[in-house]
Amino acid sequence: MLSEKMTEALNVQLNKEMYSAYLYMSMSAYSTYIGLNGFANWFMVQYQEEMTHAMKFYDYINDHGAQVKLMEIPQPPTAFDSALDMFEKTLKHEKFVTKSINELVDLAVEEKDHATYTFLQWYVSEQIEEEANDNEIISKLKLMGEDGSGMYMLDKELSQRVFVPEYTSKALSGAQTQTQAEDKGQ
């Protein structure tokens, strides 16, 4: 059973994951607007991943009989100085999320909440990957500078990223099952 303090902290993190998705959707929209469709694709895949991360928290809270409490999601920025600016902001945001996940792990240890501690280990590993991906793209952007052909090549590379769901939310699975049954007239 989750304590009130842990439930509140997990709900706050759920909201942070939703904001992350919203931020990356905004970056995708801006990338499309400026003609960087590969960047737009990369950020849209990132949006999908963040929604999956949020739904993992949603299901975890529900699975423990606690109440999910959705909060207001602040408006993300809608314009950026450059592709480099977007990725520097992405890295800064992911470092914020990493700190937040680490604080949740600390709380789980403090409360001797072994189930939540184990649940959060996936996020600890995920954040290492998130920051590494951002650092790699930032390095490429800095290396090529304002070179148009370099930007074209990187945009093409980023267009190859695909979303591979690693998790299917129980809430979404149930809704899909119900919709499929309705489609079959059941």
Protein backbone atom coordinates (compact mmCIF):
# COMPACT_ATOMS: atom_id res chain seq x y z
CA MET A 1 0.00 0.00 0.00
CA LEU A 2 1.28 3.45 -0.91
CA SER A 3 1.58 6.08 1.78
CA GLU A 4 -0.14 9.43 1.27
CA LYS A 5 3.25 11.09 0.83
CA MET A 6 4.31 8.57 -1.81
CA THR A 7 0.96 8.77 -3.60
CA GLU A 8 1.24 12.55 -3.77
CA ALA A 9 4.82 12.37 -5.04
CA LEU A 10 3.91 9.80 -7.72
CA ASN A 11 0.99 11.96 -8.85
CA VAL A 12 3.32 14.95 -9.14
CA GLN A 13 5.70 12.83 -11.24
CA LEU A 14 2.82 11.67 -13.43
CA ASN A 15 2.10 15.33 -14.11
CA LYS A 16 5.78 15.99 -14.91
CA GLU A 17 5.73 13.15 -17.43
CA MET A 18 2.60 14.63 -19.03
CA TYR A 19 4.34 18.01 -19.25
CA SER A 20 7.34 16.29 -20.86
CA ALA A 21 5.04 14.87 -23.53
CA TYR A 22 3.45 18.28 -24.06
CA LEU A 23 6.89 19.93 -24.35
CA TYR A 24 8.05 17.44 -26.99
CA MET A 25 4.80 17.79 -28.92
CA SER A 26 5.43 21.53 -28.99
CA MET A 27 8.98 20.98 -30.23
CA SER A 28 7.65 18.62 -32.89
CA ALA A 29 5.12 21.22 -34.03
CA TYR A 30 7.80 23.91 -34.17
CA SER A 31 10.17 21.63 -36.10
CA THR A 32 7.44 21.00 -38.66
CA TYR A 33 6.76 24.72 -38.87
CA ILE A 34 10.41 25.49 -39.72
CA GLY A 35 10.69 22.61 -42.19
CA LEU A 36 12.72 20.14 -40.14
CA ASN A 37 10.45 17.14 -40.53
CA GLY A 38 13.05 14.67 -39.28
CA PHE A 39 13.40 16.67 -36.07
CA ALA A 40 9.60 16.80 -35.88
CA ASN A 41 9.52 13.01 -36.12
CA TRP A 42 12.17 12.60 -33.41
CA PHE A 43 10.24 14.85 -31.03
CA MET A 44 6.93 13.13 -31.82
CA VAL A 45 8.48 9.77 -30.93
CA GLN A 46 9.74 11.40 -27.74
CA TYR A 47 6.18 12.62 -27.07
CA GLN A 48 4.89 9.05 -27.44
CA GLU A 49 7.55 7.70 -25.10
CA GLU A 50 6.72 10.31 -22.45
CA MET A 51 3.02 9.45 -22.64
CA THR A 52 3.99 5.82 -22.06
CA HIS A 53 6.07 6.87 -19.05
CA ALA A 54 3.10 8.81 -17.68
CA MET A 55 0.76 5.87 -18.15
CA LYS A 56 3.14 3.59 -16.23
CA PHE A 57 2.78 5.93 -13.25
CA TYR A 58 -0.99 6.07 -13.80
CA ASP A 59 -1.30 2.29 -13.73
CA TYR A 60 1.09 1.90 -10.80
CA ILE A 61 -0.90 4.30 -8.65
CA ASN A 62 -4.17 2.59 -9.61
CA ASP A 63 -2.73 -0.88 -9.04
CA HIS A 64 -2.00 0.10 -5.45
CA GLY A 65 -5.54 1.26 -4.81
CA ALA A 66 -4.50 4.89 -4.55
CA GLN A 67 -6.16 7.79 -6.33
CA VAL A 68 -4.70 9.26 -9.49
CA LYS A 69 -4.98 13.03 -9.36
CA LEU A 70 -4.42 14.85 -12.61
CA MET A 71 -3.08 18.38 -12.37
CA GLU A 72 -2.90 21.39 -14.62
CA ILE A 73 -0.22 21.12 -17.29
CA PRO A 74 1.62 24.40 -17.92
CA GLN A 75 1.95 25.65 -21.49
CA PRO A 76 5.32 24.71 -22.98
CA PRO A 77 7.37 27.13 -25.07
CA THR A 78 6.17 27.33 -28.68
CA ALA A 79 9.18 28.90 -30.41
CA PHE A 80 12.90 28.18 -30.23
CA ASP A 81 16.07 29.92 -31.42
CA SER A 82 17.44 26.91 -33.30
CA ALA A 83 17.57 23.13 -33.44
CA LEU A 84 20.48 23.33 -30.98
CA ASP A 85 18.34 25.44 -28.65
CA MET A 86 15.60 22.79 -28.71
CA PHE A 87 18.02 20.02 -27.79
CA GLU A 88 19.74 22.07 -25.11
CA LYS A 89 16.31 22.71 -23.59
CA THR A 90 15.52 19.01 -23.98
CA LEU A 91 18.67 18.03 -22.08
CA LYS A 92 17.97 20.60 -19.35
CA HIS A 93 14.44 19.22 -18.99
CA GLU A 94 15.64 15.61 -18.87
CA LYS A 95 18.13 16.53 -16.13
CA PHE A 96 15.20 18.01 -14.20
CA VAL A 97 13.26 14.75 -14.67
CA THR A 98 16.30 12.70 -13.59
CA LYS A 99 16.56 14.75 -10.39
CA SER A 100 12.85 14.24 -9.77
CA ILE A 101 13.09 10.45 -10.29
CA ASN A 102 16.09 10.31 -7.95
CA GLU A 103 14.09 12.16 -5.29
CA LEU A 104 11.30 9.59 -5.67
CA VAL A 105 13.82 6.78 -5.22
CA ASP A 106 15.12 8.53 -2.08
CA LEU A 107 11.56 8.77 -0.76
CA ALA A 108 10.93 5.09 -1.47
CA VAL A 109 14.10 4.18 0.46
CA GLU A 110 13.13 6.50 3.33
CA GLU A 111 9.68 4.90 3.55
CA LYS A 112 11.01 1.38 3.05
CA ASP A 113 8.63 1.07 0.10
CA HIS A 114 10.39 -1.76 -1.74
CA ALA A 115 7.74 -2.13 -4.44
CA THR A 116 7.98 1.53 -5.46
CA TYR A 117 11.78 1.41 -5.25
CA THR A 118 11.78 -1.54 -7.68
CA PHE A 119 9.23 0.16 -9.95
CA LEU A 120 11.37 3.30 -10.15
CA GLN A 121 14.55 1.46 -11.19
CA TRP A 122 13.25 1.30 -14.77
CA TYR A 123 13.02 5.10 -14.78
CA VAL A 124 16.52 5.46 -13.35
CA SER A 125 17.90 3.48 -16.30
CA GLU A 126 15.64 5.26 -18.77
CA GLN A 127 16.93 8.66 -17.70
CA ILE A 128 20.52 7.63 -18.40
CA GLU A 129 19.46 6.77 -21.95
CA GLU A 130 17.44 9.99 -22.34
CA GLU A 131 20.35 12.23 -21.38
CA ALA A 132 22.84 10.26 -23.49
CA ASN A 133 20.63 10.59 -26.59
CA ASP A 134 20.29 14.34 -26.08
CA ASN A 135 24.04 14.78 -25.52
CA GLU A 136 24.80 12.86 -28.72
CA ILE A 137 22.52 15.05 -30.83
CA ILE A 138 23.83 18.23 -29.18
CA SER A 139 27.39 17.14 -30.03
CA LYS A 140 26.42 16.60 -33.67
CA LEU A 141 24.67 19.97 -33.85
CA LYS A 142 27.69 21.75 -32.37
CA LEU A 143 30.08 19.87 -34.67
CA MET A 144 28.26 20.87 -37.84
CA GLY A 145 27.50 24.45 -36.76
CA GLU A 146 25.47 26.32 -39.35
CA ASP A 147 26.32 23.91 -42.17
CA GLY A 148 23.16 23.38 -44.21
CA SER A 149 24.22 20.01 -45.58
CA GLY A 150 25.00 18.80 -42.07
CA MET A 151 21.56 19.90 -40.89
CA TYR A 152 19.99 18.12 -43.87
CA MET A 153 21.85 14.90 -43.01
CA LEU A 154 20.94 15.05 -39.32
CA ASP A 155 17.30 15.82 -40.17
CA LYS A 156 17.26 12.78 -42.43
CA GLU A 157 18.83 10.64 -39.66
CA LEU A 158 16.28 11.78 -37.09
CA SER A 159 13.43 10.97 -39.47
CA GLN A 160 14.32 7.26 -39.10
CA ARG A 161 13.41 7.08 -35.40
CA VAL A 162 10.31 5.01 -34.70
CA PHE A 163 8.19 4.53 -31.62
CA VAL A 164 8.39 0.99 -30.29
CA PRO A 165 5.93 0.59 -27.42
CA GLU A 166 7.63 -1.15 -24.52
CA TYR A 167 4.57 -0.93 -22.34
CA THR A 168 0.85 -1.06 -22.86
CA SER A 169 -1.17 0.67 -20.18
CA LYS A 170 -3.86 -1.40 -18.53
CA ALA A 171 -6.17 1.58 -18.87
CA LEU A 172 -5.51 1.81 -22.61
CA SER A 173 -5.65 -1.95 -23.13
CA GLY A 174 -9.05 -2.12 -21.45
CA ALA A 175 -10.37 0.75 -23.55
CA GLN A 176 -9.10 -0.90 -26.74
CA THR A 177 -10.67 -4.23 -25.77
CA GLN A 178 -14.01 -2.52 -25.11
CA THR A 179 -13.83 -0.65 -28.45
CA GLN A 180 -12.98 -3.88 -30.30
CA ALA A 181 -15.95 -5.63 -28.66
CA GLU A 182 -18.23 -2.76 -29.66
CA ASP A 183 -16.92 -2.92 -33.24
CA LYS A 184 -17.86 -6.61 -33.35
CA GLY A 185 -21.35 -5.85 -32.03
CA GLN A 186 -20.80 -7.53 -28.65
